[in-house]
Amino acid sequence: MVQYIDEHEARFGIEPICRQLQIAPSTYCEQKLRQADPSRLPARTQRDAELRTQIHRVWHANFCAYGVHKTWKQLNREHIRVARCTVRRLMRDLALRGIVRGKGFKTIWSIGSSAPRGRTSCG
């Protein structure tokens, strides 16, 4: 929204655009201030930025193998207090996953097989 308003501000003005988009002009102004000064960002957003770097560091330090639970445990061992659901949310946002161990599954049909599939009549 901010980018759209910035692009069309000279032609239409901020308030008419905000009226059409049904947002308050103060919302636009606050977003512009946050872009200029990151200390105005909400506390959760600021903490998430710090935690993202810590989560990424722990995940890489452990050969990219740790999942949510082990990453959370390691952060708490390092006295970085964080909730497990927060680690889960941030790891999902960062697209970080632990290694999944276990057996794969087998199929009885090969990929290129032209054999009929499903039930066959024995007749």
PDB file of N, CA and C in Angstrom:
ATOM      1  N   MET A   1       0.810  -1.187   0.000  1.00  0.00           N
ATOM      2  CA  MET A   1       0.000   0.000   0.000  1.00  0.00           C
ATOM      3  C   MET A   1       0.862   1.262   0.000  1.00  0.00           C
ATOM      4  N   VAL A   2       1.889   1.270   0.840  1.00  0.00           N
ATOM      5  CA  VAL A   2       2.743   2.456   0.942  1.00  0.00           C
ATOM      6  C   VAL A   2       3.405   2.740  -0.401  1.00  0.00           C
ATOM      7  N   GLN A   3       3.873   1.698  -1.055  1.00  0.00           N
ATOM      8  CA  GLN A   3       4.532   1.880  -2.349  1.00  0.00           C
ATOM      9  C   GLN A   3       3.547   2.430  -3.378  1.00  0.00           C
ATOM     10  N   TYR A   4       2.330   1.912  -3.365  1.00  0.00           N
ATOM     11  CA  TYR A   4       1.304   2.392  -4.297  1.00  0.00           C
ATOM     12  C   TYR A   4       1.019   3.879  -4.072  1.00  0.00           C
ATOM     13  N   ILE A   5       0.868   4.252  -2.813  1.00  0.00           N
ATOM     14  CA  ILE A   5       0.593   5.653  -2.489  1.00  0.00           C
ATOM     15  C   ILE A   5       1.775   6.530  -2.900  1.00  0.00           C
ATOM     16  N   ASP A   6       2.998   6.051  -2.649  1.00  0.00           N
ATOM     17  CA  ASP A   6       4.181   6.819  -3.046  1.00  0.00           C
ATOM     18  C   ASP A   6       4.228   7.045  -4.553  1.00  0.00           C
ATOM     19  N   GLU A   7       3.852   6.023  -5.311  1.00  0.00           N
ATOM     20  CA  GLU A   7       3.890   6.132  -6.772  1.00  0.00           C
ATOM     21  C   GLU A   7       2.859   7.128  -7.300  1.00  0.00           C
ATOM     22  N   HIS A   8       1.701   7.228  -6.661  1.00  0.00           N
ATOM     23  CA  HIS A   8       0.618   8.058  -7.169  1.00  0.00           C
ATOM     24  C   HIS A   8       0.373   9.332  -6.354  1.00  0.00           C
ATOM     25  N   GLU A   9       1.233   9.592  -5.392  1.00  0.00           N
ATOM     26  CA  GLU A   9       1.068  10.746  -4.503  1.00  0.00           C
ATOM     27  C   GLU A   9       1.091  12.071  -5.271  1.00  0.00           C
ATOM     28  N   ALA A  10       1.991  12.223  -6.205  1.00  0.00           N
ATOM     29  CA  ALA A  10       2.128  13.488  -6.937  1.00  0.00           C
ATOM     30  C   ALA A  10       0.885  13.781  -7.784  1.00  0.00           C
ATOM     31  N   ARG A  11       0.268  12.742  -8.310  1.00  0.00           N
ATOM     32  CA  ARG A  11      -0.875  12.933  -9.205  1.00  0.00           C
ATOM     33  C   ARG A  11      -2.178  13.189  -8.446  1.00  0.00           C
ATOM     34  N   PHE A  12      -2.410  12.412  -7.360  1.00  0.00           N
ATOM     35  CA  PHE A  12      -3.699  12.492  -6.674  1.00  0.00           C
ATOM     36  C   PHE A  12      -3.627  13.081  -5.269  1.00  0.00           C
ATOM     37  N   GLY A  13      -2.495  12.968  -4.600  1.00  0.00           N
ATOM     38  CA  GLY A  13      -2.394  13.388  -3.209  1.00  0.00           C
ATOM     39  C   GLY A  13      -2.614  12.214  -2.272  1.00  0.00           C
ATOM     40  N   ILE A  14      -2.106  12.332  -1.066  1.00  0.00           N
ATOM     41  CA  ILE A  14      -2.161  11.218  -0.116  1.00  0.00           C
ATOM     42  C   ILE A  14      -3.576  10.988   0.411  1.00  0.00           C
ATOM     43  N   GLU A  15      -4.246  12.039   0.847  1.00  0.00           N
ATOM     44  CA  GLU A  15      -5.552  11.865   1.479  1.00  0.00           C
ATOM     45  C   GLU A  15      -6.617  11.298   0.542  1.00  0.00           C
ATOM     46  N   PRO A  16      -6.728  11.754  -0.715  1.00  0.00           N
ATOM     47  CA  PRO A  16      -7.721  11.131  -1.605  1.00  0.00           C
ATOM     48  C   PRO A  16      -7.427   9.651  -1.882  1.00  0.00           C
ATOM     49  N   ILE A  17      -6.157   9.297  -1.997  1.00  0.00           N
ATOM     50  CA  ILE A  17      -5.813   7.889  -2.222  1.00  0.00           C
ATOM     51  C   ILE A  17      -6.197   7.065  -0.997  1.00  0.00           C
ATOM     52  N   CYS A  18      -5.866   7.575   0.187  1.00  0.00           N
ATOM     53  CA  CYS A  18      -6.206   6.860   1.423  1.00  0.00           C
ATOM     54  C   CYS A  18      -7.719   6.719   1.576  1.00  0.00           C
ATOM     55  N   ARG A  19      -8.457   7.723   1.179  1.00  0.00           N
ATOM     56  CA  ARG A  19      -9.915   7.658   1.265  1.00  0.00           C
ATOM     57  C   ARG A  19     -10.446   6.546   0.362  1.00  0.00           C
ATOM     58  N   GLN A  20      -9.901   6.444  -0.862  1.00  0.00           N
ATOM     59  CA  GLN A  20     -10.344   5.401  -1.783  1.00  0.00           C
ATOM     60  C   GLN A  20      -9.938   4.005  -1.307  1.00  0.00           C
ATOM     61  N   LEU A  21      -8.765   3.911  -0.707  1.00  0.00           N
ATOM     62  CA  LEU A  21      -8.287   2.611  -0.198  1.00  0.00           C
ATOM     63  C   LEU A  21      -8.888   2.275   1.162  1.00  0.00           C
ATOM     64  N   GLN A  22      -9.609   3.214   1.738  1.00  0.00           N
ATOM     65  CA  GLN A  22     -10.255   3.082   3.038  1.00  0.00           C
ATOM     66  C   GLN A  22      -9.242   2.771   4.138  1.00  0.00           C
ATOM     67  N   ILE A  23      -8.153   3.543   4.145  1.00  0.00           N
ATOM     68  CA  ILE A  23      -7.199   3.490   5.243  1.00  0.00           C
ATOM     69  C   ILE A  23      -6.984   4.911   5.748  1.00  0.00           C
ATOM     70  N   ALA A  24      -6.630   5.037   7.000  1.00  0.00           N
ATOM     71  CA  ALA A  24      -6.405   6.358   7.581  1.00  0.00           C
ATOM     72  C   ALA A  24      -5.065   6.906   7.093  1.00  0.00           C
ATOM     73  N   PRO A  25      -4.999   8.195   6.782  1.00  0.00           N
ATOM     74  CA  PRO A  25      -3.718   8.792   6.388  1.00  0.00           C
ATOM     75  C   PRO A  25      -2.650   8.639   7.468  1.00  0.00           C
ATOM     76  N   SER A  26      -3.076   8.603   8.735  1.00  0.00           N
ATOM     77  CA  SER A  26      -2.105   8.424   9.821  1.00  0.00           C
ATOM     78  C   SER A  26      -1.431   7.057   9.735  1.00  0.00           C
ATOM     79  N   THR A  27      -2.132   6.045   9.216  1.00  0.00           N
ATOM     80  CA  THR A  27      -1.546   4.713   9.029  1.00  0.00           C
ATOM     81  C   THR A  27      -0.416   4.786   8.014  1.00  0.00           C
ATOM     82  N   TYR A  28      -0.671   5.481   6.922  1.00  0.00           N
ATOM     83  CA  TYR A  28       0.363   5.664   5.904  1.00  0.00           C
ATOM     84  C   TYR A  28       1.563   6.400   6.492  1.00  0.00           C
ATOM     85  N   CYS A  29       1.303   7.464   7.225  1.00  0.00           N
ATOM     86  CA  CYS A  29       2.401   8.253   7.814  1.00  0.00           C
ATOM     87  C   CYS A  29       3.210   7.423   8.799  1.00  0.00           C
ATOM     88  N   GLU A  30       2.542   6.598   9.590  1.00  0.00           N
ATOM     89  CA  GLU A  30       3.249   5.751  10.558  1.00  0.00           C
ATOM     90  C   GLU A  30       4.138   4.740   9.835  1.00  0.00           C
ATOM     91  N   GLN A  31       3.639   4.176   8.749  1.00  0.00           N
ATOM     92  CA  GLN A  31       4.446   3.219   7.981  1.00  0.00           C
ATOM     93  C   GLN A  31       5.679   3.884   7.384  1.00  0.00           C
ATOM     94  N   LYS A  32       5.526   5.099   6.906  1.00  0.00           N
ATOM     95  CA  LYS A  32       6.668   5.836   6.364  1.00  0.00           C
ATOM     96  C   LYS A  32       7.694   6.128   7.464  1.00  0.00           C
ATOM     97  N   LEU A  33       7.229   6.487   8.660  1.00  0.00           N
ATOM     98  CA  LEU A  33       8.131   6.738   9.780  1.00  0.00           C
ATOM     99  C   LEU A  33       8.867   5.466  10.203  1.00  0.00           C
ATOM    100  N   ARG A  34       8.162   4.336  10.172  1.00  0.00           N
ATOM    101  CA  ARG A  34       8.793   3.057  10.527  1.00  0.00           C
ATOM    102  C   ARG A  34       9.860   2.657   9.519  1.00  0.00           C
ATOM    103  N   GLN A  35       9.620   2.975   8.249  1.00  0.00           N
ATOM    104  CA  GLN A  35      10.644   2.681   7.236  1.00  0.00           C
ATOM    105  C   GLN A  35      11.885   3.516   7.481  1.00  0.00           C
ATOM    106  N   ALA A  36      11.706   4.747   7.892  1.00  0.00           N
ATOM    107  CA  ALA A  36      12.835   5.650   8.119  1.00  0.00           C
ATOM    108  C   ALA A  36      13.555   5.348   9.433  1.00  0.00           C
ATOM    109  N   ASP A  37      12.803   4.929  10.454  1.00  0.00           N
ATOM    110  CA  ASP A  37      13.381   4.708  11.778  1.00  0.00           C
ATOM    111  C   ASP A  37      12.918   3.357  12.323  1.00  0.00           C
ATOM    112  N   PRO A  38      13.740   2.299  12.191  1.00  0.00           N
ATOM    113  CA  PRO A  38      13.345   0.962  12.643  1.00  0.00           C
ATOM    114  C   PRO A  38      13.052   0.858  14.140  1.00  0.00           C
ATOM    115  N   SER A  39      13.500   1.814  14.942  1.00  0.00           N
ATOM    116  CA  SER A  39      13.206   1.749  16.376  1.00  0.00           C
ATOM    117  C   SER A  39      11.718   1.993  16.655  1.00  0.00           C
ATOM    118  N   ARG A  40      10.987   2.484  15.673  1.00  0.00           N
ATOM    119  CA  ARG A  40       9.539   2.690  15.826  1.00  0.00           C
ATOM    120  C   ARG A  40       8.739   1.427  15.539  1.00  0.00           C
ATOM    121  N   LEU A  41       9.398   0.380  15.086  1.00  0.00           N
ATOM    122  CA  LEU A  41       8.705  -0.874  14.811  1.00  0.00           C
ATOM    123  C   LEU A  41       8.157  -1.453  16.105  1.00  0.00           C
ATOM    124  N   PRO A  42       7.087  -2.259  16.034  1.00  0.00           N
ATOM    125  CA  PRO A  42       6.553  -2.893  17.235  1.00  0.00           C
ATOM    126  C   PRO A  42       7.612  -3.777  17.908  1.00  0.00           C
ATOM    127  N   ALA A  43       7.466  -3.970  19.211  1.00  0.00           N
ATOM    128  CA  ALA A  43       8.439  -4.750  19.982  1.00  0.00           C
ATOM    129  C   ALA A  43       8.568  -6.175  19.451  1.00  0.00           C
ATOM    130  N   ARG A  44       7.443  -6.791  19.057  1.00  0.00           N
ATOM    131  CA  ARG A  44       7.495  -8.160  18.544  1.00  0.00           C
ATOM    132  C   ARG A  44       8.314  -8.232  17.261  1.00  0.00           C
ATOM    133  N   THR A  45       8.137  -7.275  16.388  1.00  0.00           N
ATOM    134  CA  THR A  45       8.882  -7.258  15.130  1.00  0.00           C
ATOM    135  C   THR A  45      10.376  -7.082  15.387  1.00  0.00           C
ATOM    136  N   GLN A  46      10.721  -6.229  16.332  1.00  0.00           N
ATOM    137  CA  GLN A  46      12.131  -6.022  16.669  1.00  0.00           C
ATOM    138  C   GLN A  46      12.733  -7.290  17.262  1.00  0.00           C
ATOM    139  N   ARG A  47      11.998  -7.939  18.172  1.00  0.00           N
ATOM    140  CA  ARG A  47      12.511  -9.167  18.796  1.00  0.00           C
ATOM    141  C   ARG A  47      12.608 -10.292  17.773  1.00  0.00           C
ATOM    142  N   ASP A  48      11.636 -10.383  16.875  1.00  0.00           N
ATOM    143  CA  ASP A  48      11.685 -11.411  15.831  1.00  0.00           C
ATOM    144  C   ASP A  48      12.929 -11.256  14.968  1.00  0.00           C
ATOM    145  N   ALA A  49      13.309 -10.032  14.661  1.00  0.00           N
ATOM    146  CA  ALA A  49      14.504  -9.800  13.846  1.00  0.00           C
ATOM    147  C   ALA A  49      15.751 -10.308  14.571  1.00  0.00           C
ATOM    148  N   GLU A  50      15.825 -10.064  15.876  1.00  0.00           N
ATOM    149  CA  GLU A  50      16.964 -10.559  16.652  1.00  0.00           C
ATOM    150  C   GLU A  50      16.946 -12.078  16.736  1.00  0.00           C
ATOM    151  N   LEU A  51      15.764 -12.647  16.982  1.00  0.00           N
ATOM    152  CA  LEU A  51      15.660 -14.096  17.116  1.00  0.00           C
ATOM    153  C   LEU A  51      15.955 -14.819  15.806  1.00  0.00           C
ATOM    154  N   ARG A  52      15.573 -14.216  14.685  1.00  0.00           N
ATOM    155  CA  ARG A  52      15.849 -14.849  13.389  1.00  0.00           C
ATOM    156  C   ARG A  52      17.349 -15.093  13.222  1.00  0.00           C
ATOM    157  N   THR A  53      18.162 -14.116  13.588  1.00  0.00           N
ATOM    158  CA  THR A  53      19.613 -14.297  13.445  1.00  0.00           C
ATOM    159  C   THR A  53      20.116 -15.381  14.389  1.00  0.00           C
ATOM    160  N   GLN A  54      19.583 -15.425  15.609  1.00  0.00           N
ATOM    161  CA  GLN A  54      20.003 -16.446  16.573  1.00  0.00           C
ATOM    162  C   GLN A  54      19.571 -17.845  16.122  1.00  0.00           C
ATOM    163  N   ILE A  55      18.349 -17.961  15.629  1.00  0.00           N
ATOM    164  CA  ILE A  55      17.854 -19.258  15.152  1.00  0.00           C
ATOM    165  C   ILE A  55      18.686 -19.728  13.975  1.00  0.00           C
ATOM    166  N   HIS A  56      18.963 -18.835  13.049  1.00  0.00           N
ATOM    167  CA  HIS A  56      19.771 -19.187  11.885  1.00  0.00           C
ATOM    168  C   HIS A  56      21.170 -19.627  12.315  1.00  0.00           C
ATOM    169  N   ARG A  57      21.750 -18.942  13.289  1.00  0.00           N
ATOM    170  CA  ARG A  57      23.078 -19.282  13.792  1.00  0.00           C
ATOM    171  C   ARG A  57      23.087 -20.676  14.416  1.00  0.00           C
ATOM    172  N   VAL A  58      22.112 -20.966  15.283  1.00  0.00           N
ATOM    173  CA  VAL A  58      22.039 -22.275  15.950  1.00  0.00           C
ATOM    174  C   VAL A  58      21.814 -23.371  14.923  1.00  0.00           C
ATOM    175  N   TRP A  59      20.945 -23.131  13.975  1.00  0.00           N
ATOM    176  CA  TRP A  59      20.624 -24.136  12.956  1.00  0.00           C
ATOM    177  C   TRP A  59      21.860 -24.467  12.128  1.00  0.00           C
ATOM    178  N   HIS A  60      22.618 -23.442  11.701  1.00  0.00           N
ATOM    179  CA  HIS A  60      23.834 -23.678  10.916  1.00  0.00           C
ATOM    180  C   HIS A  60      24.945 -24.299  11.752  1.00  0.00           C
ATOM    181  N   ALA A  61      25.058 -23.898  13.009  1.00  0.00           N
ATOM    182  CA  ALA A  61      26.110 -24.445  13.874  1.00  0.00           C
ATOM    183  C   ALA A  61      25.916 -25.934  14.111  1.00  0.00           C
ATOM    184  N   ASN A  62      24.722 -26.426  13.945  1.00  0.00           N
ATOM    185  CA  ASN A  62      24.428 -27.842  14.163  1.00  0.00           C
ATOM    186  C   ASN A  62      24.147 -28.558  12.851  1.00  0.00           C
ATOM    187  N   PHE A  63      24.892 -28.177  11.822  1.00  0.00           N
ATOM    188  CA  PHE A  63      24.888 -28.852  10.518  1.00  0.00           C
ATOM    189  C   PHE A  63      23.513 -28.867   9.855  1.00  0.00           C
ATOM    190  N   CYS A  64      22.728 -27.854  10.106  1.00  0.00           N
ATOM    191  CA  CYS A  64      21.401 -27.704   9.494  1.00  0.00           C
ATOM    192  C   CYS A  64      20.506 -28.908   9.787  1.00  0.00           C
ATOM    193  N   ALA A  65      20.728 -29.532  10.930  1.00  0.00           N
ATOM    194  CA  ALA A  65      19.999 -30.754  11.259  1.00  0.00           C
ATOM    195  C   ALA A  65      18.935 -30.535  12.334  1.00  0.00           C
ATOM    196  N   TYR A  66      19.055 -29.487  13.113  1.00  0.00           N
ATOM    197  CA  TYR A  66      18.128 -29.275  14.219  1.00  0.00           C
ATOM    198  C   TYR A  66      16.761 -28.847  13.722  1.00  0.00           C
ATOM    199  N   GLY A  67      15.751 -29.442  14.327  1.00  0.00           N
ATOM    200  CA  GLY A  67      14.377 -29.031  14.083  1.00  0.00           C
ATOM    201  C   GLY A  67      13.966 -27.993  15.113  1.00  0.00           C
ATOM    202  N   VAL A  68      12.674 -27.780  15.222  1.00  0.00           N
ATOM    203  CA  VAL A  68      12.154 -26.759  16.117  1.00  0.00           C
ATOM    204  C   VAL A  68      12.509 -27.069  17.568  1.00  0.00           C
ATOM    205  N   HIS A  69      12.259 -28.296  18.005  1.00  0.00           N
ATOM    206  CA  HIS A  69      12.449 -28.645  19.409  1.00  0.00           C
ATOM    207  C   HIS A  69      13.904 -28.482  19.844  1.00  0.00           C
ATOM    208  N   LYS A  70      14.836 -29.035  19.075  1.00  0.00           N
ATOM    209  CA  LYS A  70      16.246 -28.939  19.464  1.00  0.00           C
ATOM    210  C   LYS A  70      16.771 -27.517  19.348  1.00  0.00           C
ATOM    211  N   THR A  71      16.312 -26.758  18.373  1.00  0.00           N
ATOM    212  CA  THR A  71      16.718 -25.360  18.251  1.00  0.00           C
ATOM    213  C   THR A  71      16.229 -24.575  19.461  1.00  0.00           C
ATOM    214  N   TRP A  72      14.984 -24.809  19.845  1.00  0.00           N
ATOM    215  CA  TRP A  72      14.410 -24.150  21.016  1.00  0.00           C
ATOM    216  C   TRP A  72      15.191 -24.498  22.280  1.00  0.00           C
ATOM    217  N   LYS A  73      15.507 -25.785  22.454  1.00  0.00           N
ATOM    218  CA  LYS A  73      16.269 -26.211  23.626  1.00  0.00           C
ATOM    219  C   LYS A  73      17.650 -25.550  23.653  1.00  0.00           C
ATOM    220  N   GLN A  74      18.319 -25.484  22.502  1.00  0.00           N
ATOM    221  CA  GLN A  74      19.649 -24.883  22.438  1.00  0.00           C
ATOM    222  C   GLN A  74      19.603 -23.395  22.762  1.00  0.00           C
ATOM    223  N   LEU A  75      18.615 -22.700  22.253  1.00  0.00           N
ATOM    224  CA  LEU A  75      18.482 -21.270  22.546  1.00  0.00           C
ATOM    225  C   LEU A  75      18.279 -21.047  24.047  1.00  0.00           C
ATOM    226  N   ASN A  76      17.464 -21.873  24.668  1.00  0.00           N
ATOM    227  CA  ASN A  76      17.244 -21.737  26.108  1.00  0.00           C
ATOM    228  C   ASN A  76      18.484 -22.110  26.910  1.00  0.00           C
ATOM    229  N   ARG A  77      19.286 -23.070  26.424  1.00  0.00           N
ATOM    230  CA  ARG A  77      20.560 -23.395  27.079  1.00  0.00           C
ATOM    231  C   ARG A  77      21.501 -22.202  27.039  1.00  0.00           C
ATOM    232  N   GLU A  78      21.408 -21.409  25.986  1.00  0.00           N
ATOM    233  CA  GLU A  78      22.256 -20.223  25.825  1.00  0.00           C
ATOM    234  C   GLU A  78      21.640 -18.999  26.500  1.00  0.00           C
ATOM    235  N   HIS A  79      20.621 -19.223  27.309  1.00  0.00           N
ATOM    236  CA  HIS A  79      19.929 -18.162  28.055  1.00  0.00           C
ATOM    237  C   HIS A  79      19.239 -17.148  27.150  1.00  0.00           C
ATOM    238  N   ILE A  80      18.780 -17.611  26.010  1.00  0.00           N
ATOM    239  CA  ILE A  80      17.936 -16.795  25.140  1.00  0.00           C
ATOM    240  C   ILE A  80      16.527 -17.337  25.327  1.00  0.00           C
ATOM    241  N   ARG A  81      15.756 -16.699  26.178  1.00  0.00           N
ATOM    242  CA  ARG A  81      14.424 -17.180  26.520  1.00  0.00           C
ATOM    243  C   ARG A  81      13.456 -16.883  25.380  1.00  0.00           C
ATOM    244  N   VAL A  82      12.869 -17.952  24.875  1.00  0.00           N
ATOM    245  CA  VAL A  82      11.946 -17.828  23.754  1.00  0.00           C
ATOM    246  C   VAL A  82      10.970 -18.996  23.824  1.00  0.00           C
ATOM    247  N   ALA A  83       9.748 -18.771  23.392  1.00  0.00           N
ATOM    248  CA  ALA A  83       8.737 -19.817  23.387  1.00  0.00           C
ATOM    249  C   ALA A  83       8.939 -20.736  22.189  1.00  0.00           C
ATOM    250  N   ARG A  84       8.595 -21.999  22.361  1.00  0.00           N
ATOM    251  CA  ARG A  84       8.767 -22.964  21.275  1.00  0.00           C
ATOM    252  C   ARG A  84       7.897 -22.600  20.071  1.00  0.00           C
ATOM    253  N   CYS A  85       6.696 -22.085  20.329  1.00  0.00           N
ATOM    254  CA  CYS A  85       5.822 -21.711  19.210  1.00  0.00           C
ATOM    255  C   CYS A  85       6.416 -20.545  18.416  1.00  0.00           C
ATOM    256  N   THR A  86       7.174 -19.694  19.085  1.00  0.00           N
ATOM    257  CA  THR A  86       7.842 -18.589  18.391  1.00  0.00           C
ATOM    258  C   THR A  86       8.948 -19.129  17.505  1.00  0.00           C
ATOM    259  N   VAL A  87       9.722 -20.089  18.018  1.00  0.00           N
ATOM    260  CA  VAL A  87      10.774 -20.713  17.212  1.00  0.00           C
ATOM    261  C   VAL A  87      10.149 -21.406  16.007  1.00  0.00           C
ATOM    262  N   ARG A  88       9.031 -22.098  16.209  1.00  0.00           N
ATOM    263  CA  ARG A  88       8.345 -22.781  15.109  1.00  0.00           C
ATOM    264  C   ARG A  88       7.922 -21.777  14.036  1.00  0.00           C
ATOM    265  N   ARG A  89       7.313 -20.676  14.464  1.00  0.00           N
ATOM    266  CA  ARG A  89       6.832 -19.658  13.517  1.00  0.00           C
ATOM    267  C   ARG A  89       7.985 -19.046  12.733  1.00  0.00           C
ATOM    268  N   LEU A  90       9.070 -18.717  13.426  1.00  0.00           N
ATOM    269  CA  LEU A  90      10.197 -18.075  12.750  1.00  0.00           C
ATOM    270  C   LEU A  90      10.948 -19.049  11.855  1.00  0.00           C
ATOM    271  N   MET A  91      11.085 -20.307  12.281  1.00  0.00           N
ATOM    272  CA  MET A  91      11.737 -21.295  11.410  1.00  0.00           C
ATOM    273  C   MET A  91      10.902 -21.541  10.162  1.00  0.00           C
ATOM    274  N   ARG A  92       9.596 -21.541  10.313  1.00  0.00           N
ATOM    275  CA  ARG A  92       8.724 -21.700   9.137  1.00  0.00           C
ATOM    276  C   ARG A  92       8.894 -20.517   8.195  1.00  0.00           C
ATOM    277  N   ASP A  93       8.957 -19.295   8.753  1.00  0.00           N
ATOM    278  CA  ASP A  93       9.162 -18.097   7.933  1.00  0.00           C
ATOM    279  C   ASP A  93      10.510 -18.121   7.219  1.00  0.00           C
ATOM    280  N   LEU A  94      11.535 -18.649   7.896  1.00  0.00           N
ATOM    281  CA  LEU A  94      12.873 -18.724   7.313  1.00  0.00           C
ATOM    282  C   LEU A  94      13.059 -19.951   6.417  1.00  0.00           C
ATOM    283  N   ALA A  95      12.047 -20.805   6.352  1.00  0.00           N
ATOM    284  CA  ALA A  95      12.092 -22.053   5.575  1.00  0.00           C
ATOM    285  C   ALA A  95      13.218 -22.962   6.058  1.00  0.00           C
ATOM    286  N   LEU A  96      13.390 -23.053   7.376  1.00  0.00           N
ATOM    287  CA  LEU A  96      14.393 -23.929   7.969  1.00  0.00           C
ATOM    288  C   LEU A  96      13.696 -25.163   8.516  1.00  0.00           C
ATOM    289  N   ARG A  97      14.238 -26.333   8.196  1.00  0.00           N
ATOM    290  CA  ARG A  97      13.681 -27.579   8.688  1.00  0.00           C
ATOM    291  C   ARG A  97      14.808 -28.462   9.176  1.00  0.00           C
ATOM    292  N   GLY A  98      14.488 -29.278  10.139  1.00  0.00           N
ATOM    293  CA  GLY A  98      15.458 -30.241  10.615  1.00  0.00           C
ATOM    294  C   GLY A  98      15.468 -31.459   9.710  1.00  0.00           C
ATOM    295  N   ILE A  99      16.443 -32.329   9.964  1.00  0.00           N
ATOM    296  CA  ILE A  99      16.517 -33.562   9.188  1.00  0.00           C
ATOM    297  C   ILE A  99      15.468 -34.531   9.708  1.00  0.00           C
ATOM    298  N   VAL A 100      14.744 -35.161   8.799  1.00  0.00           N
ATOM    299  CA  VAL A 100      13.750 -36.152   9.170  1.00  0.00           C
ATOM    300  C   VAL A 100      14.372 -37.520   8.936  1.00  0.00           C
ATOM    301  N   ARG A 101      14.488 -38.260  10.014  1.00  0.00           N
ATOM    302  CA  ARG A 101      15.093 -39.586   9.907  1.00  0.00           C
ATOM    303  C   ARG A 101      13.988 -40.627   9.826  1.00  0.00           C
ATOM    304  N   GLY A 102      14.324 -41.725   9.233  1.00  0.00           N
ATOM    305  CA  GLY A 102      13.366 -42.816   9.166  1.00  0.00           C
ATOM    306  C   GLY A 102      13.353 -43.435   7.787  1.00  0.00           C
ATOM    307  N   LYS A 103      12.573 -44.472   7.685  1.00  0.00           N
ATOM    308  CA  LYS A 103      12.477 -45.208   6.434  1.00  0.00           C
ATOM    309  C   LYS A 103      11.578 -44.485   5.455  1.00  0.00           C
ATOM    310  N   GLY A 104      11.950 -44.565   4.232  1.00  0.00           N
ATOM    311  CA  GLY A 104      11.067 -44.080   3.184  1.00  0.00           C
ATOM    312  C   GLY A 104       9.972 -45.103   2.974  1.00  0.00           C
ATOM    313  N   PHE A 105       9.200 -44.948   1.959  1.00  0.00           N
ATOM    314  CA  PHE A 105       8.154 -45.916   1.696  1.00  0.00           C
ATOM    315  C   PHE A 105       8.408 -46.577   0.351  1.00  0.00           C
ATOM    316  N   LYS A 106       7.917 -47.782   0.209  1.00  0.00           N
ATOM    317  CA  LYS A 106       8.089 -48.534  -1.028  1.00  0.00           C
ATOM    318  C   LYS A 106       6.762 -48.600  -1.768  1.00  0.00           C
ATOM    319  N   THR A 107       6.877 -48.625  -3.058  1.00  0.00           N
ATOM    320  CA  THR A 107       5.694 -48.880  -3.868  1.00  0.00           C
ATOM    321  C   THR A 107       5.958 -50.159  -4.646  1.00  0.00           C
ATOM    322  N   ILE A 108       4.895 -50.805  -5.025  1.00  0.00           N
ATOM    323  CA  ILE A 108       5.080 -52.049  -5.762  1.00  0.00           C
ATOM    324  C   ILE A 108       5.064 -51.812  -7.264  1.00  0.00           C
ATOM    325  N   TRP A 109       4.763 -50.615  -7.688  1.00  0.00           N
ATOM    326  CA  TRP A 109       4.729 -50.295  -9.109  1.00  0.00           C
ATOM    327  C   TRP A 109       5.934 -49.432  -9.443  1.00  0.00           C
ATOM    328  N   SER A 110       6.604 -49.780 -10.502  1.00  0.00           N
ATOM    329  CA  SER A 110       7.696 -48.921 -10.935  1.00  0.00           C
ATOM    330  C   SER A 110       7.108 -47.738 -11.704  1.00  0.00           C
ATOM    331  N   ILE A 111       7.861 -46.696 -11.825  1.00  0.00           N
ATOM    332  CA  ILE A 111       7.353 -45.464 -12.421  1.00  0.00           C
ATOM    333  C   ILE A 111       6.965 -45.654 -13.885  1.00  0.00           C
ATOM    334  N   GLY A 112       7.786 -46.342 -14.638  1.00  0.00           N
ATOM    335  CA  GLY A 112       7.514 -46.488 -16.053  1.00  0.00           C
ATOM    336  C   GLY A 112       6.644 -47.695 -16.398  1.00  0.00           C
ATOM    337  N   SER A 113       6.128 -48.364 -15.403  1.00  0.00           N
ATOM    338  CA  SER A 113       5.363 -49.590 -15.626  1.00  0.00           C
ATOM    339  C   SER A 113       4.049 -49.298 -16.344  1.00  0.00           C
ATOM    340  N   SER A 114       3.746 -50.144 -17.322  1.00  0.00           N
ATOM    341  CA  SER A 114       2.483 -49.971 -18.027  1.00  0.00           C
ATOM    342  C   SER A 114       1.480 -51.037 -17.596  1.00  0.00           C
ATOM    343  N   ALA A 115       1.756 -51.723 -16.515  1.00  0.00           N
ATOM    344  CA  ALA A 115       0.860 -52.751 -16.011  1.00  0.00           C
ATOM    345  C   ALA A 115      -0.423 -52.100 -15.535  1.00  0.00           C
ATOM    346  N   PRO A 116      -1.536 -52.809 -15.653  1.00  0.00           N
ATOM    347  CA  PRO A 116      -2.805 -52.234 -15.184  1.00  0.00           C
ATOM    348  C   PRO A 116      -2.792 -52.068 -13.665  1.00  0.00           C
ATOM    349  N   ARG A 117      -3.423 -51.024 -13.216  1.00  0.00           N
ATOM    350  CA  ARG A 117      -3.445 -50.741 -11.791  1.00  0.00           C
ATOM    351  C   ARG A 117      -4.874 -50.852 -11.272  1.00  0.00           C
ATOM    352  N   GLY A 118      -4.967 -51.067 -10.010  1.00  0.00           N
ATOM    353  CA  GLY A 118      -6.302 -51.194  -9.400  1.00  0.00           C
ATOM    354  C   GLY A 118      -6.732 -52.635  -9.419  1.00  0.00           C
ATOM    355  N   ARG A 119      -8.001 -52.848  -9.225  1.00  0.00           N
ATOM    356  CA  ARG A 119      -8.527 -54.211  -9.186  1.00  0.00           C
ATOM    357  C   ARG A 119      -8.623 -54.786 -10.594  1.00  0.00           C
ATOM    358  N   THR A 120      -8.245 -56.018 -10.685  1.00  0.00           N
ATOM    359  CA  THR A 120      -8.412 -56.709 -11.975  1.00  0.00           C
ATOM    360  C   THR A 120      -9.382 -57.849 -11.768  1.00  0.00           C
ATOM    361  N   SER A 121     -10.120 -58.146 -12.783  1.00  0.00           N
ATOM    362  CA  SER A 121     -11.087 -59.245 -12.643  1.00  0.00           C
ATOM    363  C   SER A 121     -10.364 -60.552 -12.929  1.00  0.00           C
ATOM    364  N   CYS A 122     -10.580 -61.498 -12.081  1.00  0.00           N
ATOM    365  CA  CYS A 122      -9.988 -62.831 -12.240  1.00  0.00           C
ATOM    366  C   CYS A 122     -11.082 -63.722 -12.770  1.00  0.00           C
ATOM    367  N   GLY A 123     -11.124 -63.848 -14.017  1.00  0.00           N
ATOM    368  CA  GLY A 123     -12.232 -64.483 -14.494  1.00  0.00           C
ATOM    369  C   GLY A 123     -12.360 -65.601 -15.272  1.00  0.00           C
TER     370      GLY A 123
END
